[in-house]
N, C-alpha and C. Protein backbone atom coordinates (compact mmCIF):
# COMPACT_ATOMS: atom_id res chain seq x y z
N UNK A 1 22.05 7.90 -49.58
CA UNK A 1 22.36 6.88 -48.58
C UNK A 1 22.77 5.58 -49.27
N UNK A 2 23.88 4.99 -48.84
CA UNK A 2 24.35 3.75 -49.45
C UNK A 2 23.47 2.58 -49.01
N UNK A 3 23.61 1.45 -49.73
CA UNK A 3 22.84 0.26 -49.39
C UNK A 3 23.16 -0.21 -47.97
N UNK A 4 24.44 -0.14 -47.60
CA UNK A 4 24.85 -0.57 -46.26
C UNK A 4 24.21 0.33 -45.20
N UNK A 5 24.19 1.62 -45.48
CA UNK A 5 23.59 2.57 -44.53
C UNK A 5 22.09 2.34 -44.41
N UNK A 6 21.44 2.03 -45.56
CA UNK A 6 20.00 1.75 -45.52
C UNK A 6 19.72 0.51 -44.68
N UNK A 7 20.54 -0.52 -44.86
CA UNK A 7 20.34 -1.76 -44.09
C UNK A 7 20.53 -1.50 -42.60
N UNK A 8 21.55 -0.71 -42.26
CA UNK A 8 21.82 -0.39 -40.86
C UNK A 8 20.67 0.40 -40.25
N UNK A 9 20.16 1.38 -41.00
CA UNK A 9 19.05 2.19 -40.52
C UNK A 9 17.80 1.34 -40.34
N UNK A 10 17.56 0.44 -41.31
CA UNK A 10 16.40 -0.44 -41.23
C UNK A 10 16.49 -1.37 -40.03
N UNK A 11 17.68 -1.92 -39.78
CA UNK A 11 17.88 -2.83 -38.65
C UNK A 11 17.65 -2.11 -37.33
N UNK A 12 18.18 -0.87 -37.22
CA UNK A 12 17.99 -0.10 -36.00
C UNK A 12 16.53 0.23 -35.78
N UNK A 13 15.81 0.52 -36.87
CA UNK A 13 14.39 0.84 -36.78
C UNK A 13 13.58 -0.36 -36.32
N UNK A 14 13.90 -1.54 -36.85
CA UNK A 14 13.20 -2.77 -36.46
C UNK A 14 13.44 -3.06 -34.98
N UNK A 15 14.69 -2.93 -34.54
CA UNK A 15 15.04 -3.19 -33.14
C UNK A 15 14.30 -2.22 -32.22
N UNK A 16 14.27 -0.93 -32.60
CA UNK A 16 13.60 0.08 -31.79
C UNK A 16 12.10 -0.17 -31.72
N UNK A 17 11.51 -0.52 -32.85
CA UNK A 17 10.07 -0.80 -32.89
C UNK A 17 9.73 -2.01 -32.03
N UNK A 18 10.56 -3.04 -32.11
CA UNK A 18 10.32 -4.24 -31.31
C UNK A 18 10.47 -3.94 -29.83
N UNK A 19 11.48 -3.19 -29.46
CA UNK A 19 11.67 -2.82 -28.05
C UNK A 19 10.45 -2.05 -27.54
N UNK A 20 9.91 -1.16 -28.37
CA UNK A 20 8.71 -0.40 -27.98
C UNK A 20 7.53 -1.34 -27.77
N UNK A 21 7.36 -2.32 -28.64
CA UNK A 21 6.23 -3.24 -28.54
C UNK A 21 6.33 -4.11 -27.28
N UNK A 22 7.54 -4.61 -27.01
CA UNK A 22 7.71 -5.44 -25.82
C UNK A 22 7.54 -4.59 -24.57
N UNK A 23 8.06 -3.36 -24.60
CA UNK A 23 7.89 -2.46 -23.46
C UNK A 23 6.41 -2.20 -23.20
N UNK A 24 5.65 -1.95 -24.24
CA UNK A 24 4.21 -1.74 -24.08
C UNK A 24 3.55 -2.97 -23.47
N UNK A 25 4.01 -4.17 -23.90
CA UNK A 25 3.47 -5.41 -23.34
C UNK A 25 3.80 -5.56 -21.86
N UNK A 26 5.00 -5.13 -21.47
CA UNK A 26 5.40 -5.21 -20.06
C UNK A 26 4.60 -4.20 -19.23
N UNK A 27 4.46 -2.98 -19.72
CA UNK A 27 3.76 -1.95 -18.97
C UNK A 27 2.27 -2.24 -18.85
N UNK A 28 1.72 -2.95 -19.83
CA UNK A 28 0.30 -3.32 -19.78
C UNK A 28 0.09 -4.64 -19.05
N UNK A 29 1.19 -5.25 -18.59
CA UNK A 29 1.19 -6.54 -17.88
C UNK A 29 0.74 -7.69 -18.76
N UNK A 30 0.84 -7.51 -20.09
CA UNK A 30 0.65 -8.67 -20.97
C UNK A 30 1.80 -9.65 -20.74
N UNK A 31 2.98 -9.08 -20.46
CA UNK A 31 4.10 -9.87 -19.97
C UNK A 31 4.26 -9.46 -18.50
N UNK A 32 3.70 -10.19 -17.56
CA UNK A 32 3.67 -9.77 -16.16
C UNK A 32 5.04 -9.87 -15.48
N UNK A 33 5.21 -9.16 -14.36
CA UNK A 33 6.47 -9.24 -13.60
C UNK A 33 6.85 -10.68 -13.31
N UNK A 34 8.11 -11.00 -13.55
CA UNK A 34 8.61 -12.35 -13.29
C UNK A 34 8.52 -13.29 -14.47
N UNK A 35 7.81 -12.89 -15.53
CA UNK A 35 7.67 -13.78 -16.69
C UNK A 35 8.96 -13.79 -17.50
N UNK A 36 9.30 -14.96 -17.99
CA UNK A 36 10.50 -15.08 -18.83
C UNK A 36 10.22 -14.52 -20.21
N UNK A 37 11.16 -13.73 -20.70
CA UNK A 37 11.07 -13.17 -22.04
C UNK A 37 11.89 -14.06 -22.97
N UNK A 38 11.24 -15.09 -23.47
CA UNK A 38 11.92 -16.12 -24.26
C UNK A 38 12.21 -15.60 -25.67
N UNK A 39 13.47 -15.65 -26.06
CA UNK A 39 13.87 -15.12 -27.37
C UNK A 39 13.14 -15.80 -28.52
N UNK A 40 13.07 -17.13 -28.47
CA UNK A 40 12.44 -17.88 -29.57
C UNK A 40 10.96 -17.55 -29.68
N UNK A 41 10.27 -17.50 -28.54
CA UNK A 41 8.83 -17.21 -28.54
C UNK A 41 8.57 -15.80 -29.07
N UNK A 42 9.38 -14.83 -28.62
CA UNK A 42 9.19 -13.47 -29.08
C UNK A 42 9.52 -13.32 -30.57
N UNK A 43 10.53 -14.06 -31.03
CA UNK A 43 10.89 -14.01 -32.45
C UNK A 43 9.73 -14.52 -33.30
N UNK A 44 9.06 -15.60 -32.85
CA UNK A 44 7.91 -16.13 -33.59
C UNK A 44 6.72 -15.17 -33.50
N UNK A 45 6.51 -14.61 -32.31
CA UNK A 45 5.37 -13.71 -32.11
C UNK A 45 5.45 -12.48 -33.01
N UNK A 46 6.64 -11.92 -33.17
CA UNK A 46 6.79 -10.69 -33.92
C UNK A 46 7.41 -10.89 -35.31
N UNK A 47 7.66 -12.16 -35.64
CA UNK A 47 8.20 -12.52 -36.95
C UNK A 47 9.50 -11.77 -37.26
N UNK A 48 10.42 -11.88 -36.31
CA UNK A 48 11.75 -11.29 -36.48
C UNK A 48 12.78 -12.34 -36.06
N UNK A 49 14.05 -12.01 -36.28
CA UNK A 49 15.11 -12.94 -35.90
C UNK A 49 15.38 -12.88 -34.40
N UNK A 50 15.99 -13.94 -33.89
CA UNK A 50 16.35 -13.95 -32.46
C UNK A 50 17.40 -12.89 -32.16
N UNK A 51 18.23 -12.55 -33.15
CA UNK A 51 19.24 -11.51 -32.94
C UNK A 51 18.57 -10.17 -32.66
N UNK A 52 17.52 -9.86 -33.42
CA UNK A 52 16.78 -8.62 -33.22
C UNK A 52 16.12 -8.61 -31.85
N UNK A 53 15.55 -9.76 -31.47
CA UNK A 53 14.92 -9.88 -30.15
C UNK A 53 15.96 -9.65 -29.06
N UNK A 54 17.14 -10.26 -29.21
CA UNK A 54 18.20 -10.13 -28.21
C UNK A 54 18.62 -8.67 -28.06
N UNK A 55 18.72 -7.96 -29.18
CA UNK A 55 19.09 -6.54 -29.14
C UNK A 55 18.00 -5.71 -28.46
N UNK A 56 16.74 -6.04 -28.75
CA UNK A 56 15.62 -5.30 -28.14
C UNK A 56 15.58 -5.54 -26.64
N UNK A 57 15.82 -6.79 -26.22
CA UNK A 57 15.83 -7.10 -24.79
C UNK A 57 16.99 -6.42 -24.07
N UNK A 58 18.11 -6.28 -24.76
CA UNK A 58 19.25 -5.57 -24.17
C UNK A 58 18.88 -4.11 -23.92
N UNK A 59 18.11 -3.53 -24.83
CA UNK A 59 17.63 -2.15 -24.65
C UNK A 59 16.71 -2.05 -23.44
N UNK A 60 15.82 -3.03 -23.29
CA UNK A 60 14.89 -3.02 -22.15
C UNK A 60 15.63 -3.26 -20.84
N UNK A 61 16.68 -4.07 -20.89
CA UNK A 61 17.50 -4.28 -19.69
C UNK A 61 18.18 -2.98 -19.27
N UNK A 62 18.64 -2.22 -20.25
CA UNK A 62 19.31 -0.94 -19.98
C UNK A 62 18.38 0.02 -19.25
N UNK A 63 17.07 -0.13 -19.50
CA UNK A 63 16.08 0.76 -18.87
C UNK A 63 15.39 0.10 -17.68
N UNK A 64 15.87 -1.07 -17.28
CA UNK A 64 15.39 -1.68 -16.04
C UNK A 64 14.13 -2.51 -16.13
N UNK A 65 13.54 -2.62 -17.31
CA UNK A 65 12.30 -3.39 -17.44
C UNK A 65 12.56 -4.88 -17.52
N UNK A 66 13.70 -5.24 -18.09
CA UNK A 66 14.09 -6.65 -18.19
C UNK A 66 15.34 -6.88 -17.35
N UNK A 67 15.40 -8.07 -16.75
CA UNK A 67 16.52 -8.42 -15.88
C UNK A 67 17.12 -9.73 -16.37
N UNK A 68 18.43 -9.72 -16.58
CA UNK A 68 19.12 -10.92 -17.06
C UNK A 68 19.53 -11.79 -15.87
N UNK A 69 19.00 -12.98 -15.80
CA UNK A 69 19.37 -13.91 -14.74
C UNK A 69 20.32 -14.95 -15.35
N UNK A 70 21.58 -14.98 -14.91
CA UNK A 70 22.59 -15.86 -15.49
C UNK A 70 22.12 -17.32 -15.60
N UNK A 71 22.35 -17.88 -16.77
CA UNK A 71 22.02 -19.28 -17.09
C UNK A 71 20.51 -19.56 -17.11
N UNK A 72 19.69 -18.52 -16.93
CA UNK A 72 18.23 -18.71 -16.98
C UNK A 72 17.59 -17.90 -18.09
N UNK A 73 18.14 -16.72 -18.37
CA UNK A 73 17.58 -15.90 -19.43
C UNK A 73 17.11 -14.56 -18.94
N UNK A 74 16.31 -13.91 -19.77
CA UNK A 74 15.82 -12.56 -19.49
C UNK A 74 14.40 -12.64 -18.94
N UNK A 75 14.13 -11.89 -17.87
CA UNK A 75 12.83 -11.90 -17.22
C UNK A 75 12.33 -10.48 -17.01
N UNK A 76 10.99 -10.34 -16.95
CA UNK A 76 10.40 -9.04 -16.63
C UNK A 76 10.75 -8.68 -15.19
N UNK A 77 11.11 -7.43 -14.97
CA UNK A 77 11.46 -6.93 -13.64
C UNK A 77 10.39 -7.34 -12.62
N UNK A 78 10.83 -8.02 -11.56
CA UNK A 78 9.90 -8.43 -10.50
C UNK A 78 10.56 -8.25 -9.13
N UNK A 79 11.27 -7.15 -8.97
CA UNK A 79 12.00 -6.87 -7.74
C UNK A 79 11.05 -6.88 -6.54
N UNK A 80 11.39 -7.64 -5.50
CA UNK A 80 10.57 -7.69 -4.30
C UNK A 80 10.83 -6.47 -3.42
N UNK A 81 9.99 -6.27 -2.41
CA UNK A 81 10.19 -5.14 -1.50
C UNK A 81 11.54 -5.24 -0.78
N UNK A 82 11.89 -6.44 -0.35
CA UNK A 82 13.16 -6.60 0.36
C UNK A 82 14.35 -6.38 -0.57
N UNK A 83 14.26 -6.90 -1.79
CA UNK A 83 15.33 -6.67 -2.76
C UNK A 83 15.47 -5.18 -3.07
N UNK A 84 14.33 -4.48 -3.14
CA UNK A 84 14.35 -3.04 -3.37
C UNK A 84 15.08 -2.32 -2.25
N UNK A 85 14.83 -2.73 -1.02
CA UNK A 85 15.53 -2.13 0.12
C UNK A 85 17.04 -2.41 0.05
N UNK A 86 17.39 -3.63 -0.36
CA UNK A 86 18.80 -3.98 -0.45
C UNK A 86 19.51 -3.17 -1.52
N UNK A 87 18.85 -3.02 -2.68
CA UNK A 87 19.43 -2.22 -3.76
C UNK A 87 19.57 -0.77 -3.32
N UNK A 88 18.53 -0.24 -2.69
CA UNK A 88 18.58 1.15 -2.25
C UNK A 88 19.65 1.38 -1.19
N UNK A 89 19.91 0.39 -0.36
CA UNK A 89 20.93 0.53 0.68
C UNK A 89 22.32 0.67 0.07
N UNK A 90 22.56 -0.03 -1.05
CA UNK A 90 23.84 0.12 -1.76
C UNK A 90 23.83 1.42 -2.55
N UNK A 91 22.70 1.70 -3.18
CA UNK A 91 22.58 2.95 -3.96
C UNK A 91 22.86 4.16 -3.07
N UNK A 92 22.36 4.13 -1.86
CA UNK A 92 22.53 5.24 -0.92
C UNK A 92 24.01 5.58 -0.76
N UNK A 93 24.82 4.57 -0.54
CA UNK A 93 26.27 4.79 -0.33
C UNK A 93 26.92 5.31 -1.61
N UNK A 94 26.60 4.70 -2.74
CA UNK A 94 27.23 5.08 -4.00
C UNK A 94 26.77 6.45 -4.49
N UNK A 95 25.49 6.74 -4.32
CA UNK A 95 24.98 8.01 -4.84
C UNK A 95 25.47 9.19 -3.99
N UNK A 96 25.68 8.97 -2.71
CA UNK A 96 26.28 10.02 -1.87
C UNK A 96 27.66 10.38 -2.42
N UNK A 97 28.44 9.37 -2.77
CA UNK A 97 29.77 9.61 -3.33
C UNK A 97 29.67 10.36 -4.66
N UNK A 98 28.73 9.95 -5.51
CA UNK A 98 28.54 10.62 -6.80
C UNK A 98 28.14 12.08 -6.60
N UNK A 99 27.26 12.33 -5.63
CA UNK A 99 26.82 13.70 -5.36
C UNK A 99 27.98 14.58 -4.88
N UNK A 100 28.82 14.02 -4.00
CA UNK A 100 29.99 14.77 -3.52
C UNK A 100 30.94 15.10 -4.66
N UNK A 101 31.21 14.14 -5.52
CA UNK A 101 32.12 14.37 -6.64
C UNK A 101 31.53 15.37 -7.63
N UNK A 102 30.22 15.25 -7.85
CA UNK A 102 29.52 16.18 -8.74
C UNK A 102 29.65 17.60 -8.20
N UNK A 103 29.44 17.79 -6.91
CA UNK A 103 29.55 19.11 -6.28
C UNK A 103 30.97 19.66 -6.41
N UNK A 104 31.95 18.80 -6.22
CA UNK A 104 33.34 19.24 -6.27
C UNK A 104 33.76 19.69 -7.67
N UNK A 105 33.05 19.21 -8.70
CA UNK A 105 33.41 19.54 -10.08
C UNK A 105 32.35 20.42 -10.74
N UNK A 106 31.58 21.12 -9.93
CA UNK A 106 30.47 21.93 -10.42
C UNK A 106 30.94 22.98 -11.42
N UNK A 107 30.17 23.12 -12.50
CA UNK A 107 30.40 24.16 -13.50
C UNK A 107 29.08 24.85 -13.81
N UNK A 108 29.15 26.00 -14.44
CA UNK A 108 27.95 26.72 -14.85
C UNK A 108 27.14 25.89 -15.82
N UNK A 109 27.82 25.25 -16.76
CA UNK A 109 27.15 24.41 -17.74
C UNK A 109 26.41 23.25 -17.06
N UNK A 110 27.03 22.65 -16.06
CA UNK A 110 26.42 21.56 -15.32
C UNK A 110 25.13 22.01 -14.65
N UNK A 111 25.18 23.14 -13.97
CA UNK A 111 24.00 23.65 -13.27
C UNK A 111 22.88 23.95 -14.26
N UNK A 112 23.22 24.50 -15.40
CA UNK A 112 22.22 24.78 -16.44
C UNK A 112 21.56 23.48 -16.90
N UNK A 113 22.34 22.45 -17.03
CA UNK A 113 21.80 21.15 -17.43
C UNK A 113 20.81 20.64 -16.40
N UNK A 114 21.16 20.74 -15.14
CA UNK A 114 20.25 20.30 -14.08
C UNK A 114 18.99 21.16 -14.04
N UNK A 115 19.15 22.47 -14.19
CA UNK A 115 17.99 23.36 -14.17
C UNK A 115 17.02 23.04 -15.30
N UNK A 116 17.56 22.72 -16.48
CA UNK A 116 16.71 22.37 -17.62
C UNK A 116 15.93 21.07 -17.34
N UNK A 117 16.61 20.10 -16.73
CA UNK A 117 15.94 18.85 -16.38
C UNK A 117 14.86 19.09 -15.33
N UNK A 118 15.18 19.90 -14.31
CA UNK A 118 14.20 20.19 -13.26
C UNK A 118 12.98 20.89 -13.83
N UNK A 119 13.18 21.78 -14.78
CA UNK A 119 12.05 22.49 -15.39
C UNK A 119 11.11 21.50 -16.06
N UNK A 120 11.66 20.51 -16.75
CA UNK A 120 10.83 19.49 -17.40
C UNK A 120 10.14 18.62 -16.37
N UNK A 121 10.83 18.27 -15.30
CA UNK A 121 10.26 17.42 -14.27
C UNK A 121 9.14 18.13 -13.51
N UNK A 122 9.38 19.38 -13.18
CA UNK A 122 8.41 20.13 -12.38
C UNK A 122 7.20 20.56 -13.19
N UNK A 123 7.30 20.50 -14.52
CA UNK A 123 6.16 20.87 -15.37
C UNK A 123 5.36 19.65 -15.82
N UNK A 124 5.79 18.44 -15.42
CA UNK A 124 5.06 17.23 -15.80
C UNK A 124 3.71 17.21 -15.10
N UNK A 125 2.65 17.13 -15.87
CA UNK A 125 1.30 17.18 -15.31
C UNK A 125 0.61 15.82 -15.26
N UNK A 126 1.10 14.89 -16.05
CA UNK A 126 0.46 13.58 -16.10
C UNK A 126 0.61 13.00 -17.50
N UNK A 127 0.11 11.79 -17.67
CA UNK A 127 0.21 11.14 -18.97
C UNK A 127 1.03 9.88 -18.89
N UNK A 128 2.15 9.86 -19.60
CA UNK A 128 2.98 8.67 -19.65
C UNK A 128 3.87 8.58 -18.41
N UNK A 129 3.56 7.62 -17.56
CA UNK A 129 4.40 7.40 -16.38
C UNK A 129 5.80 6.94 -16.80
N UNK A 130 5.88 6.24 -17.91
CA UNK A 130 7.19 5.79 -18.38
C UNK A 130 8.08 6.99 -18.71
N UNK A 131 7.51 7.99 -19.40
CA UNK A 131 8.28 9.19 -19.73
C UNK A 131 8.70 9.92 -18.45
N UNK A 132 7.80 9.96 -17.47
CA UNK A 132 8.13 10.62 -16.19
C UNK A 132 9.27 9.88 -15.50
N UNK A 133 9.20 8.56 -15.51
CA UNK A 133 10.26 7.76 -14.89
C UNK A 133 11.59 7.95 -15.60
N UNK A 134 11.55 8.06 -16.92
CA UNK A 134 12.77 8.29 -17.68
C UNK A 134 13.38 9.66 -17.35
N UNK A 135 12.54 10.66 -17.11
CA UNK A 135 13.03 11.97 -16.68
C UNK A 135 13.74 11.88 -15.34
N UNK A 136 13.09 11.16 -14.42
CA UNK A 136 13.67 10.95 -13.09
C UNK A 136 15.03 10.27 -13.21
N UNK A 137 15.08 9.20 -13.99
CA UNK A 137 16.33 8.47 -14.17
C UNK A 137 17.39 9.34 -14.84
N UNK A 138 16.98 10.15 -15.81
CA UNK A 138 17.93 11.03 -16.49
C UNK A 138 18.58 12.01 -15.51
N UNK A 139 17.78 12.54 -14.57
CA UNK A 139 18.33 13.47 -13.58
C UNK A 139 19.42 12.77 -12.75
N UNK A 140 19.12 11.58 -12.27
CA UNK A 140 20.10 10.87 -11.45
C UNK A 140 21.30 10.43 -12.27
N UNK A 141 21.06 9.99 -13.50
CA UNK A 141 22.19 9.61 -14.35
C UNK A 141 23.10 10.80 -14.63
N UNK A 142 22.55 11.99 -14.66
CA UNK A 142 23.36 13.19 -14.87
C UNK A 142 24.28 13.42 -13.67
N UNK A 143 23.77 13.19 -12.47
CA UNK A 143 24.62 13.25 -11.28
C UNK A 143 25.74 12.23 -11.39
N UNK A 144 25.38 11.01 -11.75
CA UNK A 144 26.38 9.94 -11.82
C UNK A 144 27.44 10.26 -12.86
N UNK A 145 26.99 10.78 -14.02
CA UNK A 145 27.94 11.09 -15.10
C UNK A 145 28.88 12.21 -14.70
N UNK A 146 28.35 13.25 -14.04
CA UNK A 146 29.17 14.38 -13.64
C UNK A 146 30.07 14.06 -12.44
N UNK A 147 29.94 12.86 -11.89
CA UNK A 147 30.88 12.46 -10.83
C UNK A 147 32.30 12.38 -11.39
N UNK A 148 32.40 12.12 -12.69
CA UNK A 148 33.71 12.00 -13.32
C UNK A 148 34.36 10.65 -13.13
N UNK A 149 33.65 9.74 -12.44
CA UNK A 149 34.19 8.39 -12.20
C UNK A 149 33.37 7.41 -13.03
N UNK A 150 33.95 6.96 -14.11
CA UNK A 150 33.23 6.10 -15.05
C UNK A 150 32.77 4.80 -14.41
N UNK A 151 33.58 4.24 -13.51
CA UNK A 151 33.22 2.97 -12.88
C UNK A 151 32.10 3.16 -11.85
N UNK A 152 32.10 4.28 -11.17
CA UNK A 152 31.00 4.60 -10.26
C UNK A 152 29.71 4.77 -11.06
N UNK A 153 29.81 5.45 -12.17
CA UNK A 153 28.66 5.66 -13.04
C UNK A 153 28.10 4.33 -13.53
N UNK A 154 28.97 3.44 -13.97
CA UNK A 154 28.54 2.12 -14.47
C UNK A 154 27.89 1.31 -13.35
N UNK A 155 28.47 1.38 -12.16
CA UNK A 155 27.93 0.62 -11.03
C UNK A 155 26.51 1.09 -10.69
N UNK A 156 26.31 2.40 -10.67
CA UNK A 156 25.00 2.94 -10.36
C UNK A 156 23.99 2.62 -11.46
N UNK A 157 24.41 2.72 -12.71
CA UNK A 157 23.52 2.37 -13.82
C UNK A 157 23.10 0.91 -13.76
N UNK A 158 24.07 0.04 -13.50
CA UNK A 158 23.80 -1.39 -13.43
C UNK A 158 22.87 -1.73 -12.27
N UNK A 159 23.06 -1.02 -11.16
CA UNK A 159 22.33 -1.33 -9.93
C UNK A 159 20.93 -0.74 -9.90
N UNK A 160 20.77 0.49 -10.37
CA UNK A 160 19.58 1.28 -10.02
C UNK A 160 18.47 1.36 -11.05
N UNK A 161 18.75 1.06 -12.31
CA UNK A 161 17.71 1.25 -13.32
C UNK A 161 16.46 0.42 -13.02
N UNK A 162 16.63 -0.74 -12.40
CA UNK A 162 15.47 -1.59 -12.07
C UNK A 162 14.54 -0.90 -11.09
N UNK A 163 15.07 -0.01 -10.25
CA UNK A 163 14.25 0.68 -9.26
C UNK A 163 13.26 1.63 -9.95
N UNK A 164 13.73 2.37 -10.95
CA UNK A 164 12.86 3.32 -11.64
C UNK A 164 11.80 2.59 -12.45
N UNK A 165 12.17 1.49 -13.09
CA UNK A 165 11.20 0.71 -13.85
C UNK A 165 10.17 0.06 -12.93
N UNK A 166 10.61 -0.43 -11.78
CA UNK A 166 9.70 -1.09 -10.83
C UNK A 166 8.60 -0.13 -10.38
N UNK A 167 8.95 1.12 -10.18
CA UNK A 167 7.96 2.12 -9.74
C UNK A 167 6.84 2.25 -10.76
N UNK A 168 7.20 2.27 -12.05
CA UNK A 168 6.19 2.38 -13.10
C UNK A 168 5.33 1.12 -13.14
N UNK A 169 5.97 -0.04 -13.03
CA UNK A 169 5.23 -1.30 -13.07
C UNK A 169 4.25 -1.41 -11.90
N UNK A 170 4.59 -0.76 -10.78
CA UNK A 170 3.72 -0.80 -9.61
C UNK A 170 2.50 0.11 -9.77
N UNK A 171 2.56 1.04 -10.75
CA UNK A 171 1.44 1.92 -11.01
C UNK A 171 1.13 2.85 -9.85
N UNK A 172 2.03 3.78 -9.57
CA UNK A 172 1.89 4.60 -8.36
C UNK A 172 0.89 5.74 -8.52
N UNK A 173 0.47 6.05 -9.73
CA UNK A 173 -0.49 7.13 -9.93
C UNK A 173 0.18 8.45 -10.28
N UNK A 174 -0.53 9.28 -11.06
CA UNK A 174 0.05 10.53 -11.54
C UNK A 174 0.34 11.52 -10.40
N UNK A 175 -0.56 11.61 -9.42
CA UNK A 175 -0.34 12.55 -8.32
C UNK A 175 0.94 12.22 -7.56
N UNK A 176 1.13 10.95 -7.28
CA UNK A 176 2.33 10.51 -6.57
C UNK A 176 3.57 10.76 -7.42
N UNK A 177 3.47 10.48 -8.72
CA UNK A 177 4.61 10.69 -9.61
C UNK A 177 4.97 12.17 -9.68
N UNK A 178 3.96 13.05 -9.77
CA UNK A 178 4.23 14.49 -9.79
C UNK A 178 4.95 14.93 -8.52
N UNK A 179 4.51 14.41 -7.40
CA UNK A 179 5.10 14.75 -6.11
C UNK A 179 6.57 14.32 -6.06
N UNK A 180 6.85 13.12 -6.54
CA UNK A 180 8.22 12.61 -6.54
C UNK A 180 9.12 13.42 -7.47
N UNK A 181 8.61 13.77 -8.65
CA UNK A 181 9.40 14.54 -9.61
C UNK A 181 9.73 15.93 -9.07
N UNK A 182 8.84 16.47 -8.26
CA UNK A 182 9.02 17.85 -7.77
C UNK A 182 9.99 17.93 -6.59
N UNK A 183 10.49 16.80 -6.12
CA UNK A 183 11.37 16.81 -4.95
C UNK A 183 12.81 16.43 -5.28
N UNK A 184 13.32 16.99 -6.36
CA UNK A 184 14.72 16.76 -6.75
C UNK A 184 15.59 18.00 -6.54
N UNK A 185 14.95 19.13 -6.31
CA UNK A 185 15.72 20.37 -6.20
C UNK A 185 16.67 20.35 -5.00
N UNK A 186 16.30 19.61 -3.94
CA UNK A 186 17.18 19.57 -2.77
C UNK A 186 18.54 18.95 -3.13
N UNK A 187 18.57 18.06 -4.11
CA UNK A 187 19.84 17.48 -4.54
C UNK A 187 20.68 18.51 -5.29
N UNK A 188 20.02 19.32 -6.12
CA UNK A 188 20.74 20.38 -6.83
C UNK A 188 21.23 21.43 -5.84
N UNK A 189 20.45 21.70 -4.79
CA UNK A 189 20.89 22.65 -3.76
C UNK A 189 22.20 22.20 -3.11
N UNK A 190 22.35 20.89 -2.91
CA UNK A 190 23.60 20.36 -2.36
C UNK A 190 24.75 20.56 -3.34
N UNK A 191 24.49 20.27 -4.61
CA UNK A 191 25.51 20.44 -5.64
C UNK A 191 25.99 21.89 -5.71
N UNK A 192 25.04 22.82 -5.54
CA UNK A 192 25.37 24.25 -5.63
C UNK A 192 25.81 24.85 -4.30
N UNK A 193 25.97 24.02 -3.27
CA UNK A 193 26.35 24.51 -1.93
C UNK A 193 25.34 25.51 -1.39
N UNK A 194 24.07 25.28 -1.65
CA UNK A 194 23.02 26.17 -1.17
C UNK A 194 22.13 25.45 -0.15
N UNK A 195 22.63 24.37 0.42
CA UNK A 195 21.84 23.58 1.36
C UNK A 195 22.60 23.39 2.67
N UNK A 196 21.86 23.38 3.76
CA UNK A 196 22.47 23.08 5.05
C UNK A 196 22.61 21.57 5.27
N UNK A 197 21.96 20.78 4.40
CA UNK A 197 22.03 19.32 4.52
C UNK A 197 23.35 18.80 3.95
N UNK A 198 23.88 17.78 4.58
CA UNK A 198 25.04 17.08 4.03
C UNK A 198 24.59 16.23 2.84
N UNK A 199 25.50 15.82 1.97
CA UNK A 199 25.12 14.92 0.88
C UNK A 199 24.46 13.65 1.41
N UNK A 200 24.97 13.13 2.53
CA UNK A 200 24.38 11.92 3.12
C UNK A 200 22.92 12.15 3.50
N UNK A 201 22.66 13.26 4.19
CA UNK A 201 21.30 13.56 4.63
C UNK A 201 20.37 13.82 3.44
N UNK A 202 20.89 14.51 2.42
CA UNK A 202 20.07 14.85 1.26
C UNK A 202 19.67 13.62 0.47
N UNK A 203 20.61 12.72 0.21
CA UNK A 203 20.30 11.51 -0.55
C UNK A 203 19.36 10.61 0.24
N UNK A 204 19.61 10.47 1.54
CA UNK A 204 18.73 9.64 2.37
C UNK A 204 17.31 10.21 2.39
N UNK A 205 17.18 11.52 2.58
CA UNK A 205 15.86 12.14 2.59
C UNK A 205 15.16 11.96 1.25
N UNK A 206 15.92 12.08 0.17
CA UNK A 206 15.34 11.91 -1.17
C UNK A 206 14.81 10.49 -1.35
N UNK A 207 15.58 9.50 -0.97
CA UNK A 207 15.14 8.12 -1.13
C UNK A 207 13.95 7.80 -0.22
N UNK A 208 13.93 8.40 0.96
CA UNK A 208 12.83 8.13 1.89
C UNK A 208 11.51 8.69 1.38
N UNK A 209 11.54 9.62 0.45
CA UNK A 209 10.30 10.13 -0.14
C UNK A 209 9.62 9.08 -1.01
N UNK A 210 10.42 8.19 -1.56
CA UNK A 210 9.86 7.21 -2.48
C UNK A 210 9.80 5.79 -1.95
N UNK A 211 10.53 5.52 -0.86
CA UNK A 211 10.63 4.14 -0.38
C UNK A 211 10.58 4.10 1.15
N UNK A 212 10.09 2.98 1.66
CA UNK A 212 10.11 2.74 3.11
C UNK A 212 11.46 2.13 3.49
N UNK A 213 12.13 2.72 4.44
CA UNK A 213 13.40 2.21 4.96
C UNK A 213 14.42 1.88 3.88
N UNK A 214 14.72 2.82 2.96
CA UNK A 214 15.70 2.51 1.90
C UNK A 214 17.09 2.23 2.46
N UNK A 215 17.34 2.67 3.70
CA UNK A 215 18.66 2.49 4.33
C UNK A 215 18.75 1.22 5.15
N UNK A 216 17.71 0.41 5.15
CA UNK A 216 17.60 -0.72 6.09
C UNK A 216 18.83 -1.63 6.09
N UNK A 217 19.39 -1.91 4.93
CA UNK A 217 20.52 -2.85 4.84
C UNK A 217 21.87 -2.15 4.73
N UNK A 218 21.93 -0.90 5.18
CA UNK A 218 23.19 -0.17 5.14
C UNK A 218 23.56 0.28 6.54
N UNK A 219 24.78 0.81 6.69
CA UNK A 219 25.23 1.32 7.98
C UNK A 219 24.44 2.56 8.42
N UNK A 220 23.74 3.21 7.48
CA UNK A 220 22.91 4.36 7.84
C UNK A 220 21.84 3.96 8.86
N UNK A 221 21.38 2.72 8.78
CA UNK A 221 20.33 2.24 9.70
C UNK A 221 20.85 2.12 11.12
N UNK A 222 22.16 1.99 11.29
CA UNK A 222 22.73 1.81 12.63
C UNK A 222 22.73 3.09 13.42
N UNK A 223 22.56 4.24 12.75
CA UNK A 223 22.60 5.53 13.44
C UNK A 223 21.23 5.97 13.92
N UNK A 224 20.19 5.17 13.64
CA UNK A 224 18.84 5.52 14.08
C UNK A 224 18.71 5.43 15.59
């Protein structure tokens, strides 16, 4: 390994380790929801550069634990119930489209990928809620990716990751998490054309398992 490669590997390792430490602090509520994640303070606390802190926070933002508020900085996810409903109302519309596109482009390889993910989700017995949430997010991201629309995928990633992180921060319990993980097969049934439910009905039913009135701020609420 060259010196440049060693430096790159070392830098990536430091960034990853720092992201893990800050994530642990967020999940343990040492950094509570709504708290500002100040780059300078974190750099002093962990004796690293602000650049490394910035990279670590970008990683946490990608996973929904940190939220960038323009001109204010990075904060721990503190999504309110109403904001959650608003996000889900947009997610509902976009994810229905992703599910339809995914179904239209279905392949054997795609179905195998979903089946492998479902096997891991349905065998989760307890332990790290963060790992369970990441499995859940990976399943949905696979739908978004297989939509074939890069901009739709980016929109859903930007919009929805905070929802999965918020669930972990709320501490819903292992039994509830197991129940939620086990209710993804209905989405695969739609992809495989093995369901009597429309994509709209399937996505709405899926979101209603985890949230109260996820459609409240969408046109879906007008059909009640």
